[in-house]
């Protein structure tokens, strides 16, 4: 059975991070990228191409399906996907998180990647079926969100 993998970017600020996630999503076979909250989109509200996203994604944002949703509509979309059998997995450091090494990857999954400073919003954490974290072994407590997406999507 082929896996169905979606990515949800929760209020990501950097267009370069968004583009990098699109490029990684292409390589990992992601079906769709959902841009939640104020995450910048490949095409802005005036119909203009976002050059940083297009350049960093190497054009992957032109053919990977995506949609932009505000925070409320994003949560509704995640509930809808759960009703269709998707597991929602938030990638976040939290007391309830399991190690990436323990994660059994579902066949239908939406991975939520959070804001560069604040992480995944509490509302989306509450909605998640699982919270997973990448074990860190150095002095820094986290990875860049685009790097995190690469580690998770190729797990």
N, C-alpha and C. Protein backbone atom coordinates (compact mmCIF):
# COMPACT_ATOMS: atom_id res chain seq x y z
N UNK A 1 0.83 -1.18 0.00
CA UNK A 1 0.00 0.00 0.00
C UNK A 1 0.88 1.25 0.00
N UNK A 2 0.60 2.15 -0.93
CA UNK A 2 1.37 3.39 -1.01
C UNK A 2 0.96 4.34 0.10
N UNK A 3 1.96 4.96 0.71
CA UNK A 3 1.69 5.93 1.78
C UNK A 3 1.16 7.24 1.19
N UNK A 4 0.25 7.85 1.94
CA UNK A 4 -0.23 9.19 1.63
C UNK A 4 0.31 10.11 2.71
N UNK A 5 1.19 11.00 2.32
CA UNK A 5 1.85 11.89 3.28
C UNK A 5 1.51 13.34 2.93
N UNK A 6 1.02 14.06 3.93
CA UNK A 6 0.76 15.49 3.82
C UNK A 6 1.68 16.21 4.80
N UNK A 7 1.99 17.45 4.48
CA UNK A 7 2.76 18.32 5.37
C UNK A 7 1.89 19.52 5.70
N UNK A 8 1.87 19.89 6.98
CA UNK A 8 1.17 21.08 7.45
C UNK A 8 2.21 22.01 8.07
N UNK A 9 2.37 23.20 7.51
CA UNK A 9 3.32 24.18 8.04
C UNK A 9 2.54 25.20 8.86
N UNK A 10 2.77 25.20 10.17
CA UNK A 10 2.02 26.01 11.12
C UNK A 10 2.74 27.33 11.40
N UNK A 11 2.28 28.39 10.75
CA UNK A 11 2.81 29.74 10.98
C UNK A 11 4.32 29.84 10.84
N UNK A 12 4.83 29.32 9.74
CA UNK A 12 6.25 29.43 9.42
C UNK A 12 6.48 30.84 8.86
N UNK A 13 7.52 31.51 9.34
CA UNK A 13 7.78 32.89 8.92
C UNK A 13 8.64 32.98 7.67
N UNK A 14 9.63 32.13 7.55
CA UNK A 14 10.63 32.27 6.51
C UNK A 14 10.20 31.65 5.18
N UNK A 15 10.17 32.48 4.15
CA UNK A 15 9.87 31.97 2.80
C UNK A 15 10.93 30.96 2.36
N UNK A 16 12.17 31.16 2.80
CA UNK A 16 13.23 30.20 2.44
C UNK A 16 12.97 28.84 3.07
N UNK A 17 12.50 28.81 4.32
CA UNK A 17 12.15 27.54 4.94
C UNK A 17 10.99 26.87 4.22
N UNK A 18 10.01 27.65 3.83
CA UNK A 18 8.87 27.10 3.10
C UNK A 18 9.34 26.48 1.78
N UNK A 19 10.17 27.19 1.04
CA UNK A 19 10.69 26.67 -0.22
C UNK A 19 11.49 25.40 -0.02
N UNK A 20 12.30 25.38 1.01
CA UNK A 20 13.11 24.20 1.31
C UNK A 20 12.22 23.01 1.64
N UNK A 21 11.15 23.24 2.39
CA UNK A 21 10.22 22.14 2.70
C UNK A 21 9.55 21.63 1.43
N UNK A 22 9.17 22.52 0.51
CA UNK A 22 8.59 22.07 -0.76
C UNK A 22 9.57 21.18 -1.52
N UNK A 23 10.82 21.59 -1.57
CA UNK A 23 11.84 20.80 -2.29
C UNK A 23 12.01 19.42 -1.65
N UNK A 24 12.08 19.38 -0.31
CA UNK A 24 12.19 18.12 0.41
C UNK A 24 10.93 17.28 0.23
N UNK A 25 9.77 17.93 0.28
CA UNK A 25 8.50 17.24 0.10
C UNK A 25 8.45 16.54 -1.26
N UNK A 26 8.99 17.20 -2.28
CA UNK A 26 9.04 16.59 -3.61
C UNK A 26 9.87 15.31 -3.57
N UNK A 27 11.04 15.38 -2.99
CA UNK A 27 11.92 14.21 -2.92
C UNK A 27 11.34 13.08 -2.09
N UNK A 28 10.51 13.42 -1.10
CA UNK A 28 9.94 12.41 -0.21
C UNK A 28 8.59 11.89 -0.69
N UNK A 29 8.09 12.43 -1.78
CA UNK A 29 6.82 11.94 -2.32
C UNK A 29 5.59 12.44 -1.59
N UNK A 30 5.67 13.63 -0.99
CA UNK A 30 4.53 14.20 -0.29
C UNK A 30 3.42 14.54 -1.28
N UNK A 31 2.18 14.25 -0.89
CA UNK A 31 1.02 14.47 -1.75
C UNK A 31 0.54 15.92 -1.76
N UNK A 32 0.68 16.60 -0.61
CA UNK A 32 0.15 17.96 -0.50
C UNK A 32 0.83 18.69 0.65
N UNK A 33 0.99 20.00 0.48
CA UNK A 33 1.51 20.87 1.54
C UNK A 33 0.40 21.85 1.91
N UNK A 34 0.08 21.89 3.20
CA UNK A 34 -0.92 22.83 3.71
C UNK A 34 -0.16 23.94 4.44
N UNK A 35 -0.44 25.17 4.05
CA UNK A 35 0.22 26.34 4.61
C UNK A 35 -0.74 26.99 5.59
N UNK A 36 -0.48 26.80 6.88
CA UNK A 36 -1.38 27.27 7.91
C UNK A 36 -1.02 28.64 8.45
N UNK A 37 -2.05 29.41 8.80
CA UNK A 37 -1.84 30.72 9.42
C UNK A 37 -1.17 31.68 8.47
N UNK A 38 -0.10 32.32 8.95
CA UNK A 38 0.58 33.33 8.13
C UNK A 38 1.76 32.77 7.33
N UNK A 39 1.86 31.46 7.21
CA UNK A 39 2.92 30.86 6.39
C UNK A 39 2.82 31.42 4.97
N UNK A 40 3.93 31.93 4.42
CA UNK A 40 3.86 32.48 3.06
C UNK A 40 3.60 31.39 2.02
N UNK A 41 2.88 31.76 0.99
CA UNK A 41 2.50 30.83 -0.08
C UNK A 41 3.34 31.09 -1.33
N UNK A 42 3.47 30.08 -2.21
CA UNK A 42 4.21 30.27 -3.46
C UNK A 42 3.63 31.36 -4.36
N UNK A 43 2.32 31.57 -4.26
CA UNK A 43 1.65 32.64 -4.99
C UNK A 43 0.96 33.52 -3.95
N UNK A 44 1.26 34.81 -3.95
CA UNK A 44 0.66 35.68 -2.93
C UNK A 44 -0.79 36.01 -3.28
N UNK A 45 -1.45 36.75 -2.42
CA UNK A 45 -2.87 37.05 -2.61
C UNK A 45 -3.15 37.93 -3.82
N UNK A 46 -2.11 38.50 -4.40
CA UNK A 46 -2.25 39.31 -5.61
C UNK A 46 -1.91 38.53 -6.87
N UNK A 47 -1.64 37.22 -6.71
CA UNK A 47 -1.33 36.37 -7.86
C UNK A 47 0.12 36.40 -8.29
N UNK A 48 0.98 37.01 -7.47
CA UNK A 48 2.39 37.09 -7.82
C UNK A 48 3.16 35.91 -7.24
N UNK A 49 4.12 35.43 -8.01
CA UNK A 49 5.01 34.37 -7.54
C UNK A 49 5.90 34.91 -6.43
N UNK A 50 6.04 34.12 -5.37
CA UNK A 50 6.93 34.47 -4.25
C UNK A 50 8.34 33.98 -4.64
N UNK A 51 9.24 34.88 -5.03
CA UNK A 51 10.53 34.46 -5.59
C UNK A 51 11.39 33.61 -4.65
N UNK A 52 11.38 33.92 -3.35
CA UNK A 52 12.22 33.15 -2.42
C UNK A 52 11.75 31.69 -2.33
N UNK A 53 10.43 31.49 -2.31
CA UNK A 53 9.90 30.13 -2.24
C UNK A 53 10.20 29.39 -3.53
N UNK A 54 9.95 30.03 -4.66
CA UNK A 54 10.18 29.38 -5.95
C UNK A 54 11.65 29.01 -6.12
N UNK A 55 12.55 29.93 -5.78
CA UNK A 55 13.98 29.66 -5.95
C UNK A 55 14.45 28.54 -5.02
N UNK A 56 14.09 28.62 -3.74
CA UNK A 56 14.56 27.63 -2.77
C UNK A 56 13.96 26.26 -3.05
N UNK A 57 12.75 26.22 -3.56
CA UNK A 57 12.10 24.93 -3.85
C UNK A 57 12.57 24.33 -5.17
N UNK A 58 13.38 25.08 -5.92
CA UNK A 58 13.78 24.69 -7.28
C UNK A 58 12.57 24.39 -8.16
N UNK A 59 11.49 25.15 -7.92
CA UNK A 59 10.27 25.01 -8.73
C UNK A 59 9.31 23.93 -8.25
N UNK A 60 9.65 23.20 -7.18
CA UNK A 60 8.76 22.13 -6.69
C UNK A 60 7.39 22.68 -6.28
N UNK A 61 7.35 23.93 -5.85
CA UNK A 61 6.08 24.53 -5.44
C UNK A 61 5.13 24.73 -6.62
N UNK A 62 5.63 24.58 -7.84
CA UNK A 62 4.79 24.73 -9.02
C UNK A 62 3.97 23.48 -9.33
N UNK A 63 4.36 22.32 -8.78
CA UNK A 63 3.61 21.11 -9.10
C UNK A 63 3.18 20.28 -7.89
N UNK A 64 3.70 20.57 -6.71
CA UNK A 64 3.18 19.89 -5.52
C UNK A 64 1.90 20.64 -5.12
N UNK A 65 0.78 19.92 -4.99
CA UNK A 65 -0.45 20.60 -4.58
C UNK A 65 -0.28 21.27 -3.21
N UNK A 66 -0.85 22.45 -3.06
CA UNK A 66 -0.78 23.17 -1.80
C UNK A 66 -2.04 24.00 -1.62
N UNK A 67 -2.30 24.35 -0.38
CA UNK A 67 -3.38 25.28 -0.10
C UNK A 67 -3.01 26.08 1.14
N UNK A 68 -3.47 27.33 1.17
CA UNK A 68 -3.28 28.21 2.32
C UNK A 68 -4.58 28.27 3.10
N UNK A 69 -4.48 28.09 4.41
CA UNK A 69 -5.65 28.14 5.28
C UNK A 69 -5.34 28.96 6.52
N UNK A 70 -6.31 29.73 7.00
CA UNK A 70 -6.09 30.42 8.27
C UNK A 70 -6.10 29.38 9.39
N UNK A 71 -5.82 29.80 10.60
CA UNK A 71 -5.70 28.86 11.71
C UNK A 71 -6.96 28.03 11.94
N UNK A 72 -8.14 28.66 11.85
CA UNK A 72 -9.40 27.96 12.08
C UNK A 72 -9.66 26.94 10.97
N UNK A 73 -9.53 27.37 9.72
CA UNK A 73 -9.76 26.47 8.59
C UNK A 73 -8.72 25.34 8.57
N UNK A 74 -7.49 25.65 9.00
CA UNK A 74 -6.45 24.63 9.07
C UNK A 74 -6.81 23.53 10.05
N UNK A 75 -7.31 23.90 11.22
CA UNK A 75 -7.73 22.91 12.21
C UNK A 75 -8.90 22.09 11.68
N UNK A 76 -9.83 22.74 10.99
CA UNK A 76 -10.97 22.02 10.39
C UNK A 76 -10.48 21.02 9.34
N UNK A 77 -9.50 21.42 8.54
CA UNK A 77 -8.95 20.53 7.51
C UNK A 77 -8.29 19.32 8.16
N UNK A 78 -7.57 19.54 9.25
CA UNK A 78 -6.93 18.41 9.94
C UNK A 78 -7.98 17.45 10.49
N UNK A 79 -9.06 17.96 11.06
CA UNK A 79 -10.15 17.09 11.55
C UNK A 79 -10.76 16.30 10.39
N UNK A 80 -10.95 16.96 9.27
CA UNK A 80 -11.50 16.30 8.07
C UNK A 80 -10.57 15.16 7.62
N UNK A 81 -9.28 15.42 7.60
CA UNK A 81 -8.32 14.38 7.22
C UNK A 81 -8.32 13.23 8.22
N UNK A 82 -8.46 13.54 9.51
CA UNK A 82 -8.56 12.47 10.52
C UNK A 82 -9.79 11.61 10.24
N UNK A 83 -10.89 12.24 9.86
CA UNK A 83 -12.12 11.49 9.53
C UNK A 83 -11.93 10.61 8.30
N UNK A 84 -10.96 10.93 7.47
CA UNK A 84 -10.64 10.13 6.28
C UNK A 84 -9.56 9.09 6.57
N UNK A 85 -9.20 8.93 7.84
CA UNK A 85 -8.24 7.89 8.23
C UNK A 85 -6.81 8.34 8.36
N UNK A 86 -6.55 9.64 8.25
CA UNK A 86 -5.19 10.14 8.41
C UNK A 86 -4.85 10.26 9.89
N UNK A 87 -3.60 9.94 10.24
CA UNK A 87 -3.07 10.23 11.56
C UNK A 87 -2.38 11.58 11.50
N UNK A 88 -2.62 12.40 12.49
CA UNK A 88 -1.99 13.71 12.57
C UNK A 88 -0.84 13.62 13.57
N UNK A 89 0.37 13.87 13.08
CA UNK A 89 1.58 13.75 13.90
C UNK A 89 2.24 15.12 13.98
N UNK A 90 2.23 15.69 15.18
CA UNK A 90 2.92 16.96 15.40
C UNK A 90 4.38 16.67 15.72
N UNK A 91 5.26 17.44 15.13
CA UNK A 91 6.69 17.31 15.40
C UNK A 91 7.05 18.44 16.35
N UNK A 92 7.26 18.07 17.61
CA UNK A 92 7.44 19.08 18.65
C UNK A 92 8.10 18.46 19.88
N UNK A 93 8.87 19.26 20.57
CA UNK A 93 9.44 18.82 21.84
C UNK A 93 8.39 19.08 22.92
N UNK A 94 7.97 18.01 23.58
CA UNK A 94 6.97 18.16 24.62
C UNK A 94 7.05 16.96 25.56
N UNK A 95 6.48 17.12 26.74
CA UNK A 95 6.50 16.03 27.72
C UNK A 95 5.76 14.80 27.22
N UNK A 96 4.80 15.00 26.32
CA UNK A 96 4.02 13.87 25.81
C UNK A 96 4.61 13.27 24.53
N UNK A 97 5.71 13.83 24.04
CA UNK A 97 6.29 13.38 22.78
C UNK A 97 6.98 12.02 22.93
N UNK A 98 6.89 11.25 21.84
CA UNK A 98 7.67 10.02 21.74
C UNK A 98 8.89 10.31 20.87
N UNK A 99 9.91 9.50 21.01
CA UNK A 99 11.10 9.65 20.19
C UNK A 99 10.79 9.25 18.75
N UNK A 100 11.43 9.90 17.82
CA UNK A 100 11.29 9.52 16.41
C UNK A 100 11.59 8.04 16.21
N UNK A 101 12.51 7.50 17.01
CA UNK A 101 12.88 6.09 16.89
C UNK A 101 11.72 5.16 17.24
N UNK A 102 10.76 5.64 17.99
CA UNK A 102 9.60 4.84 18.39
C UNK A 102 8.42 4.98 17.44
N UNK A 103 8.48 5.93 16.54
CA UNK A 103 7.35 6.21 15.66
C UNK A 103 7.17 5.10 14.62
N UNK A 104 5.98 4.54 14.59
CA UNK A 104 5.57 3.64 13.52
C UNK A 104 4.80 4.52 12.54
N UNK A 105 5.34 4.69 11.36
CA UNK A 105 4.77 5.63 10.40
C UNK A 105 3.47 5.07 9.83
N UNK A 106 2.37 5.80 10.01
CA UNK A 106 1.09 5.35 9.46
C UNK A 106 1.08 5.44 7.93
N UNK A 107 0.18 4.70 7.29
CA UNK A 107 0.07 4.75 5.83
C UNK A 107 -0.53 6.07 5.35
N UNK A 108 -1.36 6.68 6.18
CA UNK A 108 -1.96 7.98 5.86
C UNK A 108 -1.60 8.92 7.00
N UNK A 109 -0.75 9.91 6.71
CA UNK A 109 -0.23 10.75 7.79
C UNK A 109 -0.12 12.21 7.35
N UNK A 110 -0.42 13.10 8.30
CA UNK A 110 -0.17 14.52 8.15
C UNK A 110 0.84 14.89 9.22
N UNK A 111 2.00 15.40 8.81
CA UNK A 111 3.00 15.88 9.75
C UNK A 111 2.85 17.38 9.91
N UNK A 112 2.77 17.84 11.15
CA UNK A 112 2.69 19.27 11.44
C UNK A 112 4.07 19.75 11.88
N UNK A 113 4.58 20.77 11.19
CA UNK A 113 5.84 21.41 11.56
C UNK A 113 5.52 22.83 11.99
N UNK A 114 6.06 23.24 13.15
CA UNK A 114 5.67 24.50 13.75
C UNK A 114 6.61 25.65 13.49
N UNK A 115 6.16 26.79 13.96
CA UNK A 115 6.85 28.06 13.87
C UNK A 115 8.29 27.94 14.36
N UNK A 116 9.18 28.69 13.71
CA UNK A 116 10.60 28.62 14.01
C UNK A 116 10.95 28.97 15.46
N UNK A 117 10.15 29.79 16.12
CA UNK A 117 10.43 30.18 17.50
C UNK A 117 9.49 29.50 18.49
N UNK A 118 8.21 29.50 18.18
CA UNK A 118 7.19 29.03 19.13
C UNK A 118 6.78 27.58 18.95
N UNK A 119 7.18 26.95 17.86
CA UNK A 119 6.81 25.55 17.63
C UNK A 119 5.38 25.41 17.17
N UNK A 120 4.84 24.20 17.30
CA UNK A 120 3.47 23.89 16.91
C UNK A 120 2.52 24.53 17.92
N UNK A 121 1.49 25.20 17.42
CA UNK A 121 0.54 25.87 18.31
C UNK A 121 -0.19 24.87 19.20
N UNK A 122 -0.59 25.33 20.37
CA UNK A 122 -1.25 24.46 21.34
C UNK A 122 -2.53 23.83 20.78
N UNK A 123 -3.29 24.59 20.01
CA UNK A 123 -4.51 24.06 19.42
C UNK A 123 -4.24 22.88 18.50
N UNK A 124 -3.18 22.97 17.71
CA UNK A 124 -2.85 21.86 16.81
C UNK A 124 -2.22 20.70 17.57
N UNK A 125 -1.48 21.00 18.63
CA UNK A 125 -0.96 19.91 19.47
C UNK A 125 -2.10 19.12 20.07
N UNK A 126 -3.14 19.81 20.55
CA UNK A 126 -4.30 19.14 21.14
C UNK A 126 -5.03 18.28 20.12
N UNK A 127 -5.02 18.70 18.87
CA UNK A 127 -5.69 17.98 17.80
C UNK A 127 -4.90 16.76 17.32
N UNK A 128 -3.63 16.73 17.59
CA UNK A 128 -2.73 15.68 17.08
C UNK A 128 -3.00 14.33 17.73
N UNK A 129 -2.83 13.29 16.92
CA UNK A 129 -2.93 11.92 17.42
C UNK A 129 -1.65 11.50 18.13
N UNK A 130 -0.53 12.02 17.65
CA UNK A 130 0.78 11.68 18.19
C UNK A 130 1.66 12.92 18.14
N UNK A 131 2.54 13.05 19.13
CA UNK A 131 3.56 14.09 19.12
C UNK A 131 4.90 13.36 19.11
N UNK A 132 5.76 13.73 18.18
CA UNK A 132 7.05 13.07 18.04
C UNK A 132 8.16 14.11 18.09
N UNK A 133 9.30 13.72 18.65
CA UNK A 133 10.45 14.62 18.68
C UNK A 133 11.69 13.89 18.19
N UNK A 134 12.60 14.67 17.65
CA UNK A 134 13.89 14.15 17.20
C UNK A 134 14.85 14.24 18.37
N UNK A 135 15.43 13.12 18.80
CA UNK A 135 16.38 13.19 19.91
C UNK A 135 17.59 14.05 19.53
N UNK A 136 17.94 14.95 20.40
CA UNK A 136 19.08 15.84 20.17
C UNK A 136 20.23 15.40 21.07
N UNK A 137 21.44 15.39 20.51
CA UNK A 137 22.60 14.91 21.26
C UNK A 137 23.66 15.98 21.51
N UNK A 138 23.46 17.15 20.94
CA UNK A 138 24.44 18.23 21.11
C UNK A 138 23.95 19.26 22.11
N UNK A 139 24.50 20.44 22.03
CA UNK A 139 24.14 21.50 22.94
C UNK A 139 22.91 22.28 22.48
N UNK A 140 22.64 22.28 21.19
CA UNK A 140 21.46 22.97 20.67
C UNK A 140 20.24 22.08 20.89
N UNK A 141 19.12 22.72 21.23
CA UNK A 141 17.95 21.93 21.58
C UNK A 141 17.01 21.65 20.42
N UNK A 142 17.28 22.24 19.25
CA UNK A 142 16.39 21.99 18.13
C UNK A 142 17.13 22.17 16.80
N UNK A 143 16.48 21.72 15.74
CA UNK A 143 16.98 21.87 14.37
C UNK A 143 16.14 22.93 13.65
N UNK A 144 16.66 23.46 12.56
CA UNK A 144 15.90 24.32 11.68
C UNK A 144 14.66 23.55 11.20
N UNK A 145 13.54 24.25 11.03
CA UNK A 145 12.29 23.59 10.65
C UNK A 145 12.41 22.84 9.32
N UNK A 146 13.14 23.37 8.37
CA UNK A 146 13.29 22.68 7.08
C UNK A 146 14.13 21.42 7.23
N UNK A 147 15.15 21.48 8.05
CA UNK A 147 15.98 20.30 8.32
C UNK A 147 15.14 19.25 9.05
N UNK A 148 14.36 19.70 10.02
CA UNK A 148 13.48 18.79 10.75
C UNK A 148 12.53 18.07 9.79
N UNK A 149 11.96 18.82 8.86
CA UNK A 149 11.06 18.20 7.87
C UNK A 149 11.79 17.11 7.09
N UNK A 150 13.03 17.36 6.70
CA UNK A 150 13.80 16.36 5.97
C UNK A 150 14.02 15.10 6.78
N UNK A 151 14.39 15.28 8.04
CA UNK A 151 14.63 14.10 8.91
C UNK A 151 13.35 13.29 9.03
N UNK A 152 12.23 13.96 9.30
CA UNK A 152 10.95 13.28 9.52
C UNK A 152 10.44 12.62 8.25
N UNK A 153 10.46 13.35 7.14
CA UNK A 153 9.89 12.82 5.90
C UNK A 153 10.66 11.65 5.33
N UNK A 154 11.93 11.55 5.65
CA UNK A 154 12.73 10.43 5.15
C UNK A 154 12.93 9.34 6.20
N UNK A 155 12.20 9.43 7.31
CA UNK A 155 12.27 8.41 8.37
C UNK A 155 11.51 7.17 7.90
